[in-house]
Protein backbone atom coordinates (compact mmCIF):
# COMPACT_ATOMS: atom_id res chain seq x y z
CA MET A 1 78.82 -38.95 205.56
CA THR A 2 80.09 -37.63 208.88
CA LYS A 3 77.98 -35.18 210.80
CA PHE A 4 79.81 -32.29 212.36
CA PRO A 5 78.92 -31.44 215.94
CA LEU A 6 76.47 -28.55 216.26
CA TRP A 7 78.86 -26.44 218.33
CA LEU A 8 81.45 -26.65 215.53
CA ILE A 9 78.86 -25.65 212.93
CA PHE A 10 77.87 -22.67 215.09
CA ILE A 11 81.48 -21.50 215.48
CA LEU A 12 82.24 -21.92 211.77
CA LEU A 13 79.12 -19.95 210.86
CA GLN A 14 80.12 -17.19 213.28
CA ILE A 15 83.60 -17.00 211.77
CA GLY A 16 82.16 -17.04 208.25
CA ILE A 17 79.88 -14.11 209.07
CA LEU A 18 82.29 -12.05 211.19
CA ILE A 19 85.26 -12.15 208.82
CA PRO A 20 83.47 -10.19 206.06
CA LEU A 21 81.88 -7.83 208.60
CA LEU A 22 85.27 -7.04 210.16
CA THR A 23 87.35 -6.85 206.98
CA LEU A 24 85.07 -5.38 204.31
CA SER A 25 83.82 -1.82 204.41
CA LEU A 26 80.13 -2.72 204.74
CA ARG A 27 78.28 0.23 206.23
CA LEU A 28 75.46 -1.66 207.90
CA PHE A 29 75.38 -0.45 211.50
CA PRO A 30 73.89 2.83 212.78
CA GLY A 31 76.41 4.98 214.61
CA GLU A 32 78.42 8.16 214.48
CA LEU A 33 81.80 9.23 213.17
CA VAL A 34 83.93 12.08 214.50
CA ILE A 35 86.39 13.43 211.94
CA SER A 36 88.97 16.16 212.44
CA THR A 37 89.85 18.29 209.41
CA GLY A 38 92.06 21.31 209.83
CA GLY A 39 91.69 21.28 213.61
CA VAL A 40 87.90 21.36 213.41
CA GLU A 41 86.02 18.29 214.55
CA LYS A 42 82.91 17.30 212.61
CA THR A 43 80.45 14.81 214.02
CA PHE A 44 78.44 12.75 211.56
CA GLU A 45 75.47 11.49 213.53
CA ASN A 46 72.95 8.91 212.30
CA THR A 47 75.33 7.55 209.70
CA ASN A 48 75.98 3.93 208.86
CA VAL A 49 79.28 2.63 210.19
CA SER A 50 81.30 -0.42 209.21
CA LEU A 51 82.85 -2.71 211.81
CA SER A 52 86.08 -2.56 209.81
CA TYR A 53 86.45 1.09 210.90
CA PHE A 54 87.14 -0.10 214.45
CA LEU A 55 90.14 -2.03 213.10
CA GLY A 56 91.25 0.73 210.72
CA LEU A 57 90.47 -1.31 207.63
CA GLY A 58 88.66 -0.07 204.54
CA MET A 59 89.96 3.49 204.82
CA THR A 60 92.67 5.41 203.04
CA PRO A 61 95.64 6.58 205.16
CA GLU A 62 94.28 10.13 204.93
CA GLU A 63 90.91 9.03 206.32
CA LYS A 64 92.66 7.12 209.13
CA ASN A 65 94.52 10.26 210.16
CA GLN A 66 91.34 12.35 210.15
CA LEU A 67 89.23 9.85 212.08
CA VAL A 68 88.91 10.74 215.75
CA SER A 69 86.32 8.21 216.93
CA VAL A 70 83.79 5.67 215.74
CA SER A 71 80.87 4.58 217.87
CA LEU A 72 77.76 2.51 217.41
CA TYR A 73 74.32 3.38 218.67
CA GLY A 74 72.30 0.86 220.65
CA SER A 75 70.52 -0.28 217.52
CA GLY A 76 73.91 -0.82 215.88
CA TRP A 77 75.02 -3.07 218.74
CA ILE A 78 71.75 -5.00 218.48
CA LEU A 79 72.43 -5.59 214.77
CA VAL A 80 75.96 -6.78 215.56
CA ILE A 81 74.52 -9.30 218.03
CA CYS A 82 71.86 -10.39 215.52
CA TYR A 83 74.41 -10.97 212.74
CA SER A 84 77.16 -12.50 214.85
CA ILE A 85 75.20 -14.65 217.33
CA LEU A 86 71.52 -15.00 216.48
CA LEU A 87 71.87 -15.72 212.75
CA PRO A 88 74.40 -18.56 213.28
CA LEU A 89 72.27 -19.82 216.18
CA PHE A 90 69.11 -20.02 214.06
CA ILE A 91 70.95 -21.73 211.19
CA THR A 92 72.47 -24.24 213.63
CA TYR A 93 69.05 -24.87 215.18
CA ARG A 94 67.60 -25.48 211.72
CA ILE A 95 70.34 -28.03 211.04
CA HIS A 96 69.54 -29.68 214.39
CA LEU A 97 65.85 -29.92 213.49
CA LYS A 98 66.67 -31.40 210.08
CA ARG A 99 68.95 -34.02 211.65
CA SER A 100 66.54 -35.13 214.38
CA PRO A 101 64.08 -37.89 213.49
CA SER A 102 60.45 -36.86 213.18
């Protein structure tokens, strides 16, 4: 059985985690939404935001037209880093430890 290099495992894990986070409407990250309805802007603070909103995915065309801005709070950015970098890093490190002789 061939062993994949650790850097390749890390990159594949990152891709495997980021694709669902960027394409599915998973509201996991603290942030705020600014929506304009009838010329009046409403700010929804302390709401959970999906990363797909930054790409315009997971919303109806009406919601896309009403959306003015999406932003993440600091804790939201920390969660993005944890999911996209630290989780694949820890899994890759665990694979490294399992491969290395005792």
